[in-house]
Amino acid sequence: MKPVRLLTGVLTVGVWTLLSRVLGFAREIIILAYIGPGPVMDAFVAAFRLPNMFRRFFAEGAFNAAFVPMFSKRLEADDNPMGFASQALSGLAFVLLALSALAMIFMPALVWATAGGFAGDARFDMTIDFGRVLFPYIFFVSLAALLSGALNAAGRFAAAAAAPVILNVFVIAAMVGAAMLEGPVVVALVWAVPVAGVAQLALVWIAAGRAGIRVRPGRPRWTPEMKHLVRIAVPAALAGGVMQVNLLVGQQVASQFPDAVGWLYAADRLYQLPLGVIGIAVGIVLLPDLSRRLKAEDTEGSRAAFSRASEIALSLTLPCAVALVVIPLPLTSVLFERGATGADDAAAIGIAVAIYGLGLPAFVLQKVLQPLFFAREDTKTPFRYALWSMAVNAVLAVGLAPVIGWIAPAIATSVAAWAMVAMFYAGTRPMGEMVRFDERLRRRLWRICLASAILGVVLWGLAVLLMPFLGMPYWRYLALLVLIVLGTVAYFLAGHLIGAFRLSEFRQAMRRRRG
């Protein structure tokens, strides 16, 4: 079996994902500056969340869970993997075309189901119009995700990880261009999304061909392989997309409060930055690696892969969570407070960021624990856990909203994430030693927690010292940069000195990635 260097793969995916998330963050800053919290932004957020929700079901969620392990095992055994991938592509394209047609017809019902608070005001009709333009994006991005899964299974991570960058480049260019020409920015924003989807599909299609993964669409056929794929993918669709479902429940609740949809969306984008760079990168690399090791009956290698993935995730996630909890207001005021977004908006977003920060480790751990089930083609167990998690989220979001208002969905999302992790952890116990942390991780885990605590103290002290500069119009950017850089240095220096990790490990992985 060709080995997959886990840290190198995570860094490859992480670097490209970081670029995508940074550009995505710039996209949100521009949206907030040009449009700002209000009816138009609420309508765009609700409309854009529809294709993104279904993307988690039909692309990253279901097909990373079902297609990637099956393709990886066929690739390992040289059992006609390209024929299987072509069948999967054809079937997925047929389903997506049908789904897109139905969504375009029944868009008013979709909007009512996901943002019922918009009914009766201008946001409702705007969301319908935006949704009909945005929804075809799911067709292109889902097919791109399937090809990306095939590339990842073959150990080719760069092109698949680079594809999301295209969306942000297209959207930013469209908004800036519209603003310079004094045109309607939101119209340019909406139409740029499906165009970017076409470009994403083209990129991974070409990359797959160059990697020898020649997948060709044809007439969909209901073969035993497709029946098996669907049987695994259906529960995986919900299990993999539970976060999106929870966000939609939160949106339904938030739509009852003015501007709350935009506030929660902006906070979501901020905590999604470390989640995407770390959690999603680890999950993308770990799933095909575990699948191939299980096929080769490499138990010791599977345990090592799981332990290293957990170590990487925790050592990079815990400090990010601490930062979101300790300095949310400096982050949101500097990053978002401009143009149509005022100080009150930044403060509201900051509250949500801190609450999401408490749930960030859980969101990332889900990405580490899910592949343990998916690699065994077990999607029913995560499906059951997802149902319980969604129940927790819905009860808390709906139940707390009359008491504490618009922030209830953020609290519910974080609590539900930790409930999901607890269920995953309990469910892995029967899997034996393969899913137990090895000695190296047990030795380092408490040190990672200590280094993160040290970071929190450093960030709090620096924020107090830099507070006057963080409020100045021009100096605040430099002050935030100093805060982040010094905090990062403090964490990695403390972690290295107390033995939480070795900086040489990251340097070696970066050299292998460049090589």
Protein backbone atom coordinates (compact mmCIF):
# COMPACT_ATOMS: atom_id res chain seq x y z
CA MET A 1 0.00 0.00 0.00
CA LYS A 2 1.33 3.42 -0.93
CA PRO A 3 1.62 5.32 2.37
CA VAL A 4 -0.18 8.61 2.90
CA ARG A 5 1.89 11.07 4.94
CA LEU A 6 -0.85 12.33 7.22
CA LEU A 7 0.73 15.58 8.44
CA THR A 8 1.99 16.42 4.95
CA GLY A 9 -1.44 15.74 3.46
CA VAL A 10 -3.16 17.79 6.15
CA LEU A 11 -0.76 20.69 5.55
CA THR A 12 -1.31 20.50 1.78
CA VAL A 13 -5.07 20.58 2.17
CA GLY A 14 -4.78 23.04 5.05
CA VAL A 15 -2.66 25.56 3.14
CA TRP A 16 -5.08 25.65 0.22
CA THR A 17 -8.07 25.65 2.55
CA LEU A 18 -6.49 28.48 4.54
CA LEU A 19 -6.17 30.52 1.34
CA SER A 20 -9.77 29.72 0.46
CA ARG A 21 -11.00 30.62 3.95
CA VAL A 22 -8.99 33.84 4.06
CA LEU A 23 -10.45 34.85 0.69
CA GLY A 24 -13.84 33.72 1.93
CA PHE A 25 -13.39 35.90 4.96
CA ALA A 26 -12.46 38.80 2.71
CA ARG A 27 -15.64 38.02 0.78
CA GLU A 28 -17.72 38.35 3.95
CA ILE A 29 -15.97 41.58 4.92
CA ILE A 30 -16.82 43.04 1.49
CA ILE A 31 -20.42 41.81 1.73
CA LEU A 32 -20.80 43.40 5.17
CA ALA A 33 -19.21 46.63 3.96
CA TYR A 34 -21.23 46.99 0.74
CA ILE A 35 -24.53 45.46 1.87
CA GLY A 36 -24.39 45.26 5.68
CA PRO A 37 -26.76 43.55 8.11
CA GLY A 38 -30.35 44.09 7.01
CA PRO A 39 -33.06 42.71 4.71
CA VAL A 40 -30.86 42.30 1.61
CA MET A 41 -28.11 40.45 3.44
CA ASP A 42 -30.65 38.30 5.29
CA ALA A 43 -32.17 37.33 1.93
CA PHE A 44 -28.78 36.48 0.39
CA VAL A 45 -27.70 34.41 3.40
CA ALA A 46 -30.94 32.41 3.41
CA ALA A 47 -30.77 31.83 -0.36
CA PHE A 48 -27.07 30.88 -0.38
CA ARG A 49 -27.56 28.46 2.50
CA LEU A 50 -29.95 26.33 0.40
CA PRO A 51 -27.41 25.04 -2.14
CA ASN A 52 -24.80 24.83 0.61
CA MET A 53 -27.10 22.65 2.71
CA PHE A 54 -27.77 20.26 -0.17
CA ARG A 55 -24.07 20.33 -1.06
CA ARG A 56 -23.29 18.83 2.34
CA PHE A 57 -25.79 16.08 1.59
CA PHE A 58 -24.90 15.28 -2.03
CA ALA A 59 -21.25 16.28 -2.11
CA GLU A 60 -18.88 16.46 0.85
CA GLY A 61 -21.29 14.87 3.33
CA ALA A 62 -22.70 11.81 1.58
CA PHE A 63 -20.08 11.17 -1.06
CA ASN A 64 -17.02 11.66 1.10
CA ALA A 65 -18.63 9.21 3.51
CA ALA A 66 -19.83 6.63 0.98
CA PHE A 67 -17.97 7.09 -2.30
CA VAL A 68 -14.43 7.69 -1.01
CA PRO A 69 -14.08 4.48 1.08
CA MET A 70 -15.56 2.35 -1.72
CA PHE A 71 -13.39 3.99 -4.37
CA SER A 72 -10.29 3.77 -2.14
CA LYS A 73 -10.75 0.04 -1.57
CA ARG A 74 -11.32 -0.59 -5.28
CA LEU A 75 -8.24 1.46 -6.05
CA GLU A 76 -6.20 -0.54 -3.51
CA ALA A 77 -7.45 -3.85 -5.00
CA ASP A 78 -7.32 -2.58 -8.64
CA ASP A 79 -11.00 -3.57 -8.99
CA ASN A 80 -12.18 -1.31 -11.85
CA PRO A 81 -12.19 1.92 -9.80
CA MET A 82 -12.72 4.16 -12.86
CA GLY A 83 -15.79 2.25 -13.98
CA PHE A 84 -17.26 2.56 -10.50
CA ALA A 85 -16.48 6.30 -10.39
CA SER A 86 -18.11 6.82 -13.81
CA GLN A 87 -21.28 5.07 -12.65
CA ALA A 88 -21.35 7.18 -9.50
CA LEU A 89 -20.85 10.40 -11.48
CA SER A 90 -23.67 9.56 -13.89
CA GLY A 91 -26.11 8.69 -11.12
CA LEU A 92 -25.22 11.77 -9.09
CA ALA A 93 -25.64 14.07 -12.10
CA PHE A 94 -29.10 12.65 -12.81
CA VAL A 95 -30.25 13.15 -9.20
CA LEU A 96 -28.84 16.68 -9.07
CA LEU A 97 -30.59 17.72 -12.28
CA ALA A 98 -33.91 16.47 -10.92
CA LEU A 99 -33.32 18.15 -7.55
CA SER A 100 -32.40 21.47 -9.17
CA ALA A 101 -35.54 21.44 -11.32
CA LEU A 102 -37.77 20.73 -8.31
CA ALA A 103 -36.04 23.40 -6.23
CA MET A 104 -36.54 26.04 -8.90
CA ILE A 105 -40.25 25.22 -9.05
CA PHE A 106 -40.86 24.96 -5.32
CA MET A 107 -38.47 27.69 -4.17
CA PRO A 108 -41.19 29.59 -2.24
CA ALA A 109 -41.86 26.47 -0.15
CA LEU A 110 -38.14 25.98 0.48
CA VAL A 111 -37.76 29.56 1.65
CA TRP A 112 -40.78 29.28 3.94
CA ALA A 113 -39.42 26.03 5.42
CA THR A 114 -35.96 27.44 6.14
CA ALA A 115 -36.69 31.12 6.90
CA GLY A 116 -40.34 31.31 7.87
CA GLY A 117 -39.80 34.61 9.67
CA PHE A 118 -39.33 36.29 6.28
CA ALA A 119 -42.97 35.67 5.30
CA GLY A 120 -44.90 38.87 4.90
CA ASP A 121 -41.97 41.23 4.20
CA ALA A 122 -39.63 42.05 1.33
CA ARG A 123 -37.03 39.48 2.41
CA PHE A 124 -39.26 36.59 1.34
CA ASP A 125 -39.52 37.56 -2.36
CA MET A 126 -35.85 38.57 -2.51
CA THR A 127 -34.80 35.19 -1.12
CA ILE A 128 -36.90 33.39 -3.74
CA ASP A 129 -35.33 35.39 -6.57
CA PHE A 130 -31.80 34.92 -5.24
CA GLY A 131 -32.39 31.23 -4.57
CA ARG A 132 -33.41 30.46 -8.14
CA VAL A 133 -30.13 31.93 -9.41
CA LEU A 134 -27.94 30.37 -6.71
CA PHE A 135 -29.35 26.85 -6.53
CA PRO A 136 -27.78 25.45 -9.76
CA TYR A 137 -24.42 25.90 -8.02
CA ILE A 138 -25.12 22.60 -6.27
CA PHE A 139 -24.95 20.68 -9.58
CA PHE A 140 -21.46 21.85 -10.48
CA VAL A 141 -19.94 21.81 -6.99
CA SER A 142 -21.30 18.33 -6.18
CA LEU A 143 -19.80 16.80 -9.31
CA ALA A 144 -16.57 18.62 -8.49
CA ALA A 145 -16.70 17.10 -4.98
CA LEU A 146 -16.98 13.57 -6.39
CA LEU A 147 -13.93 14.09 -8.58
CA SER A 148 -12.14 15.69 -5.62
CA GLY A 149 -12.88 12.59 -3.56
CA ALA A 150 -11.32 10.41 -6.25
CA LEU A 151 -8.23 12.63 -6.30
CA ASN A 152 -7.96 12.49 -2.50
CA ALA A 153 -8.26 8.70 -2.52
CA ALA A 154 -5.33 8.60 -4.94
CA GLY A 155 -3.27 10.81 -2.62
CA ARG A 156 -3.62 13.89 -4.85
CA PHE A 157 -4.85 16.62 -2.49
CA ALA A 158 -3.71 19.93 -3.98
CA ALA A 159 -6.13 20.48 -6.90
CA ALA A 160 -9.18 19.36 -4.94
CA ALA A 161 -8.25 21.66 -2.05
CA ALA A 162 -7.57 24.56 -4.43
CA ALA A 163 -10.97 24.40 -6.16
CA PRO A 164 -12.93 26.34 -3.46
CA VAL A 165 -10.53 29.26 -3.92
CA ILE A 166 -12.19 29.90 -7.29
CA LEU A 167 -15.57 30.68 -5.74
CA ASN A 168 -14.15 33.39 -3.53
CA VAL A 169 -12.04 34.92 -6.31
CA PHE A 170 -15.05 35.11 -8.63
CA VAL A 171 -17.37 36.54 -5.98
CA ILE A 172 -14.89 39.16 -4.75
CA ALA A 173 -14.10 40.25 -8.31
CA ALA A 174 -17.80 40.51 -9.16
CA MET A 175 -18.66 42.63 -6.11
CA VAL A 176 -15.68 44.97 -6.45
CA GLY A 177 -16.36 45.34 -10.17
CA ALA A 178 -20.04 46.12 -9.58
CA ALA A 179 -19.16 48.68 -6.91
CA MET A 180 -16.64 50.40 -9.17
CA LEU A 181 -19.22 50.56 -11.97
CA GLU A 182 -21.86 51.71 -9.47
CA GLY A 183 -24.04 48.73 -10.27
CA PRO A 184 -26.11 46.54 -7.91
CA VAL A 185 -23.52 44.67 -5.84
CA VAL A 186 -25.91 41.99 -4.63
CA VAL A 187 -26.91 41.07 -8.19
CA ALA A 188 -23.26 40.61 -9.18
CA LEU A 189 -22.72 38.57 -6.03
CA VAL A 190 -25.61 36.21 -6.74
CA TRP A 191 -24.75 35.56 -10.40
CA ALA A 192 -21.04 35.03 -9.68
CA VAL A 193 -21.75 31.94 -7.58
CA PRO A 194 -23.04 29.54 -10.30
CA VAL A 195 -20.38 30.80 -12.74
CA ALA A 196 -17.74 29.94 -10.15
CA GLY A 197 -19.27 26.46 -9.81
CA VAL A 198 -18.62 25.80 -13.50
CA ALA A 199 -15.00 26.91 -13.08
CA GLN A 200 -14.53 24.65 -10.01
CA LEU A 201 -15.80 21.62 -11.90
CA ALA A 202 -13.52 22.41 -14.84
CA LEU A 203 -10.46 22.64 -12.57
CA VAL A 204 -10.89 19.27 -10.86
CA TRP A 205 -11.98 17.57 -14.11
CA ILE A 206 -8.70 18.59 -15.76
CA ALA A 207 -6.69 17.66 -12.64
CA ALA A 208 -8.34 14.24 -12.47
CA GLY A 209 -7.51 13.58 -16.11
CA ARG A 210 -3.87 14.49 -15.57
CA ALA A 211 -3.76 12.18 -12.54
CA GLY A 212 -5.00 9.26 -14.64
CA ILE A 213 -8.51 9.34 -13.13
CA ARG A 214 -10.55 9.34 -16.31
CA VAL A 215 -14.19 9.48 -15.30
CA ARG A 216 -16.78 9.80 -18.04
CA PRO A 217 -20.53 10.40 -17.58
CA GLY A 218 -23.01 8.06 -19.25
CA ARG A 219 -26.54 6.77 -18.91
CA PRO A 220 -27.36 6.18 -15.22
CA ARG A 221 -27.68 2.46 -14.39
CA TRP A 222 -29.05 0.82 -11.25
CA THR A 223 -26.28 -1.70 -10.66
CA PRO A 224 -25.50 -3.64 -7.46
CA GLU A 225 -22.57 -1.26 -6.88
CA MET A 226 -24.84 1.79 -7.13
CA LYS A 227 -27.41 0.16 -4.87
CA HIS A 228 -24.69 -0.42 -2.27
CA LEU A 229 -23.44 3.15 -2.69
CA VAL A 230 -26.91 4.62 -2.20
CA ARG A 231 -27.59 2.39 0.80
CA ILE A 232 -24.48 3.82 2.49
CA ALA A 233 -24.90 7.37 1.19
CA VAL A 234 -28.47 7.99 2.35
CA PRO A 235 -27.76 7.86 6.11
CA ALA A 236 -24.37 9.50 5.52
CA ALA A 237 -26.12 12.44 3.89
CA LEU A 238 -27.72 13.38 7.18
CA ALA A 239 -24.80 12.33 9.36
CA GLY A 240 -22.34 14.38 7.30
CA GLY A 241 -24.64 17.37 6.97
CA VAL A 242 -25.88 17.63 10.54
CA MET A 243 -24.08 20.95 11.06
CA GLN A 244 -25.91 22.47 8.10
CA VAL A 245 -29.23 21.17 9.38
CA ASN A 246 -28.50 22.69 12.77
CA LEU A 247 -27.58 25.98 11.13
CA LEU A 248 -30.88 25.95 9.23
CA VAL A 249 -32.80 25.37 12.45
CA GLY A 250 -30.89 28.28 13.91
CA GLN A 251 -31.70 30.39 10.87
CA GLN A 252 -35.39 29.62 11.23
CA VAL A 253 -35.25 30.84 14.83
CA ALA A 254 -33.01 33.83 14.02
CA SER A 255 -35.31 34.94 11.20
CA GLN A 256 -37.77 36.01 13.90
CA PHE A 257 -35.31 38.72 15.08
CA PRO A 258 -34.14 41.76 13.05
CA ASP A 259 -30.59 41.46 11.64
CA ALA A 260 -29.92 38.22 13.58
CA VAL A 261 -29.50 36.08 10.45
CA GLY A 262 -26.68 38.32 9.25
CA TRP A 263 -25.00 38.42 12.68
CA LEU A 264 -24.98 34.66 13.07
CA TYR A 265 -23.81 34.22 9.47
CA ALA A 266 -20.82 36.52 10.02
CA ALA A 267 -19.91 34.72 13.28
CA ASP A 268 -20.27 31.37 11.52
CA ARG A 269 -17.81 32.45 8.82
CA LEU A 270 -15.22 33.44 11.45
CA TYR A 271 -15.19 30.13 13.32
CA GLN A 272 -15.41 28.26 10.01
CA LEU A 273 -11.91 29.57 9.24
CA PRO A 274 -10.08 27.26 11.69
CA LEU A 275 -12.70 24.54 11.24
CA GLY A 276 -12.09 24.41 7.51
CA VAL A 277 -8.33 24.66 7.71
CA ILE A 278 -7.93 22.01 10.44
CA GLY A 279 -11.02 19.85 10.83
CA ILE A 280 -12.00 19.43 7.22
CA ALA A 281 -8.37 19.00 6.14
CA VAL A 282 -7.84 16.22 8.70
CA GLY A 283 -11.07 14.48 7.69
CA ILE A 284 -10.27 14.66 3.98
CA VAL A 285 -6.85 13.06 4.45
CA LEU A 286 -7.80 10.58 7.18
CA LEU A 287 -10.81 8.92 5.51
CA PRO A 288 -9.08 7.44 2.42
CA ASP A 289 -6.02 6.55 4.50
CA LEU A 290 -8.10 4.61 7.05
CA SER A 291 -10.14 2.93 4.31
CA ARG A 292 -7.05 1.63 2.55
CA ARG A 293 -5.42 0.51 5.82
CA LEU A 294 -8.55 -1.41 6.80
CA LYS A 295 -8.58 -3.07 3.37
CA ALA A 296 -4.93 -4.06 3.93
CA GLU A 297 -5.75 -5.20 7.52
CA ASP A 298 -3.13 -2.80 8.90
CA THR A 299 -4.46 -2.41 12.46
CA GLU A 300 -1.34 -0.83 13.93
CA GLY A 301 -1.12 1.65 11.06
CA SER A 302 -4.80 2.53 11.50
CA ARG A 303 -4.27 3.29 15.18
CA ALA A 304 -1.25 5.44 14.40
CA ALA A 305 -3.17 7.34 11.71
CA PHE A 306 -6.09 7.99 14.06
CA SER A 307 -3.81 9.12 16.90
CA ARG A 308 -1.78 11.44 14.68
CA ALA A 309 -4.95 12.94 13.19
CA SER A 310 -6.32 13.56 16.69
CA GLU A 311 -3.00 15.07 17.79
CA ILE A 312 -2.84 17.42 14.81
CA ALA A 313 -6.47 18.44 15.22
CA LEU A 314 -6.22 19.16 18.94
CA SER A 315 -2.87 20.95 18.81
CA LEU A 316 -4.20 23.36 16.17
CA THR A 317 -7.85 23.62 17.25
CA LEU A 318 -7.61 24.26 21.00
CA PRO A 319 -5.57 27.48 20.62
CA CYS A 320 -7.99 28.74 17.96
CA ALA A 321 -10.93 28.05 20.27
CA VAL A 322 -9.20 29.90 23.10
CA ALA A 323 -8.60 32.90 20.84
CA LEU A 324 -12.24 33.05 19.74
CA VAL A 325 -13.41 32.94 23.36
CA VAL A 326 -10.85 35.38 24.83
CA ILE A 327 -10.69 38.12 22.14
CA PRO A 328 -13.94 37.95 20.12
CA LEU A 329 -14.64 41.70 20.16
CA PRO A 330 -11.19 42.80 18.90
CA LEU A 331 -11.56 40.28 16.09
CA THR A 332 -15.06 41.28 15.01
CA SER A 333 -14.64 45.05 15.45
CA VAL A 334 -11.46 45.20 13.38
CA LEU A 335 -12.58 42.71 10.73
CA PHE A 336 -16.23 43.68 10.27
CA GLU A 337 -16.88 47.20 11.59
CA ARG A 338 -16.90 49.39 8.48
CA GLY A 339 -19.32 50.70 5.88
CA ALA A 340 -22.84 49.42 6.54
CA THR A 341 -21.73 47.43 9.62
CA GLY A 342 -21.63 49.43 12.85
CA ALA A 343 -20.24 48.97 16.34
CA ASP A 344 -23.44 47.38 17.66
CA ASP A 345 -23.33 44.84 14.82
CA ALA A 346 -19.69 44.00 15.60
CA ALA A 347 -20.52 43.53 19.29
CA ALA A 348 -23.41 41.20 18.50
CA ILE A 349 -21.26 39.17 16.11
CA GLY A 350 -18.55 38.99 18.81
CA ILE A 351 -20.96 37.40 21.30
CA ALA A 352 -21.86 34.71 18.78
CA VAL A 353 -18.18 34.14 17.91
CA ALA A 354 -17.31 33.43 21.56
CA ILE A 355 -20.14 30.92 21.86
CA TYR A 356 -19.17 29.18 18.61
CA GLY A 357 -15.58 29.15 19.88
CA LEU A 358 -16.67 26.99 22.82
CA GLY A 359 -17.99 24.46 20.32
CA LEU A 360 -15.07 24.61 17.88
CA PRO A 361 -13.11 21.65 19.36
CA ALA A 362 -16.27 19.54 19.10
CA PHE A 363 -16.82 20.50 15.46
CA VAL A 364 -13.24 19.46 14.63
CA LEU A 365 -13.32 16.24 16.69
CA GLN A 366 -16.38 15.18 14.73
CA LYS A 367 -14.26 15.33 11.58
CA VAL A 368 -11.70 13.03 13.25
CA LEU A 369 -14.19 10.53 14.70
CA GLN A 370 -16.58 10.22 11.73
CA PRO A 371 -14.02 8.50 9.44
CA LEU A 372 -13.71 5.66 11.97
CA PHE A 373 -17.27 4.70 11.04
CA PHE A 374 -17.29 5.77 7.40
CA ALA A 375 -14.10 3.83 6.60
CA ARG A 376 -15.98 0.68 7.67
CA GLU A 377 -18.89 1.70 5.43
CA ASP A 378 -20.95 2.17 8.59
CA THR A 379 -23.08 5.26 8.05
CA LYS A 380 -26.13 4.13 10.02
CA THR A 381 -24.50 4.67 13.42
CA PRO A 382 -23.50 8.30 12.67
CA PHE A 383 -27.00 8.74 11.26
CA ARG A 384 -28.54 7.81 14.62
CA TYR A 385 -26.16 10.12 16.44
CA ALA A 386 -27.05 12.92 14.02
CA LEU A 387 -30.74 12.53 14.81
CA TRP A 388 -30.08 12.87 18.54
CA SER A 389 -27.79 15.85 17.94
CA MET A 390 -30.41 17.59 15.81
CA ALA A 391 -33.01 16.97 18.51
CA VAL A 392 -30.74 18.59 21.12
CA ASN A 393 -30.13 21.54 18.81
CA ALA A 394 -33.80 22.07 17.98
CA VAL A 395 -34.99 21.83 21.58
CA LEU A 396 -32.38 24.30 22.83
CA ALA A 397 -32.71 26.76 19.92
CA VAL A 398 -36.50 26.92 20.04
CA GLY A 399 -36.76 26.61 23.81
CA LEU A 400 -34.16 29.26 24.69
CA ALA A 401 -35.17 31.84 22.04
CA PRO A 402 -38.11 33.29 24.07
CA VAL A 403 -35.79 33.62 27.09
CA ILE A 404 -32.45 34.87 25.71
CA GLY A 405 -33.41 35.95 22.18
CA TRP A 406 -31.42 35.71 18.96
CA ILE A 407 -28.27 34.16 20.51
CA ALA A 408 -30.11 30.91 21.34
CA PRO A 409 -29.20 29.22 18.01
CA ALA A 410 -25.46 29.71 18.64
CA ILE A 411 -25.69 28.13 22.09
CA ALA A 412 -27.76 25.27 20.72
CA THR A 413 -25.29 24.59 17.89
CA SER A 414 -22.29 24.35 20.23
CA VAL A 415 -24.06 22.16 22.81
CA ALA A 416 -25.33 19.84 20.06
CA ALA A 417 -21.78 19.53 18.67
CA TRP A 418 -20.45 18.34 22.04
CA ALA A 419 -23.37 15.91 22.37
CA MET A 420 -22.43 14.47 18.97
CA VAL A 421 -18.79 14.04 20.03
CA ALA A 422 -19.85 12.25 23.23
CA MET A 423 -21.95 9.80 21.20
CA PHE A 424 -19.13 9.24 18.70
CA TYR A 425 -16.69 8.55 21.52
CA ALA A 426 -19.03 6.02 23.14
CA GLY A 427 -19.67 4.39 19.77
CA THR A 428 -15.96 3.83 19.08
CA ARG A 429 -15.35 1.84 22.28
CA PRO A 430 -16.31 -1.54 20.72
CA MET A 431 -13.80 -0.98 17.90
CA GLY A 432 -10.92 -2.05 20.14
CA GLU A 433 -7.35 -0.82 20.40
CA MET A 434 -7.35 0.70 16.93
CA VAL A 435 -9.32 3.69 18.18
CA ARG A 436 -7.44 4.15 21.46
CA PHE A 437 -5.02 7.07 21.73
CA ASP A 438 -1.46 5.79 21.57
CA GLU A 439 1.17 6.53 24.22
CA ARG A 440 2.57 9.55 22.39
CA LEU A 441 -0.80 11.31 22.23
CA ARG A 442 -1.67 10.51 25.85
CA ARG A 443 1.68 11.98 26.87
CA ARG A 444 1.14 15.14 24.83
CA LEU A 445 -2.58 15.82 25.34
CA TRP A 446 -2.39 17.57 28.71
CA ARG A 447 0.58 19.59 27.48
CA ILE A 448 -1.47 20.82 24.49
CA CYS A 449 -4.20 21.93 26.92
CA LEU A 450 -1.62 23.72 29.10
CA ALA A 451 -0.08 25.52 26.11
CA SER A 452 -3.56 26.65 25.05
CA ALA A 453 -4.25 27.99 28.55
CA ILE A 454 -0.97 29.94 28.42
CA LEU A 455 -2.09 31.37 25.08
CA GLY A 456 -5.34 32.55 26.64
CA VAL A 457 -3.52 34.45 29.37
CA VAL A 458 -1.13 36.03 26.84
CA LEU A 459 -3.98 37.08 24.52
CA TRP A 460 -5.96 38.61 27.38
CA GLY A 461 -2.94 40.61 28.58
CA LEU A 462 -2.05 41.78 25.08
CA ALA A 463 -5.67 42.78 24.37
CA VAL A 464 -5.69 44.97 27.49
CA LEU A 465 -2.40 46.63 26.50
CA LEU A 466 -3.43 47.16 22.88
CA MET A 467 -7.03 48.23 23.59
CA PRO A 468 -6.40 51.95 22.86
CA PHE A 469 -4.88 51.09 19.47
CA LEU A 470 -7.64 48.59 18.63
CA GLY A 471 -10.12 51.48 18.69
CA MET A 472 -8.14 53.75 16.34
CA PRO A 473 -9.29 53.86 12.69
CA TYR A 474 -5.93 53.04 11.10
CA TRP A 475 -3.86 51.57 13.92
CA ARG A 476 -6.39 48.85 14.72
CA TYR A 477 -5.26 46.64 11.82
CA LEU A 478 -1.65 46.70 12.97
CA ALA A 479 -2.74 46.16 16.58
CA LEU A 480 -4.77 43.07 15.66
CA LEU A 481 -1.88 41.74 13.58
CA VAL A 482 0.50 42.19 16.55
CA LEU A 483 -2.03 40.47 18.82
CA ILE A 484 -2.33 37.45 16.51
CA VAL A 485 1.38 37.14 15.72
CA LEU A 486 2.55 37.43 19.35
CA GLY A 487 -0.17 35.03 20.49
CA THR A 488 0.84 32.50 17.85
CA VAL A 489 4.51 32.76 18.80
CA ALA A 490 3.65 32.39 22.48
CA TYR A 491 1.58 29.24 21.86
CA PHE A 492 4.10 27.43 19.67
CA LEU A 493 7.02 28.43 21.89
CA ALA A 494 5.21 27.26 25.04
CA GLY A 495 4.06 24.08 23.32
CA HIS A 496 7.57 23.28 22.15
CA LEU A 497 9.15 23.95 25.55
CA ILE A 498 6.69 21.84 27.56
CA GLY A 499 6.67 19.01 25.01
CA ALA A 500 3.18 19.41 23.52
CA PHE A 501 4.76 19.02 20.07
CA ARG A 502 8.05 19.48 18.29
CA LEU A 503 8.39 22.35 15.84
CA SER A 504 10.71 20.15 13.77
CA GLU A 505 7.73 17.91 12.95
CA PHE A 506 5.95 20.79 11.22
CA ARG A 507 9.15 21.86 9.41
CA GLN A 508 9.74 18.33 8.11
CA ALA A 509 6.15 18.05 6.91
CA MET A 510 6.42 21.38 5.09
CA ARG A 511 9.64 20.24 3.38
CA ARG A 512 7.93 17.02 2.23
CA ARG A 513 4.95 19.04 0.97
CA ARG A 514 7.20 21.32 -1.08
CA GLY A 515 9.08 18.28 -2.35
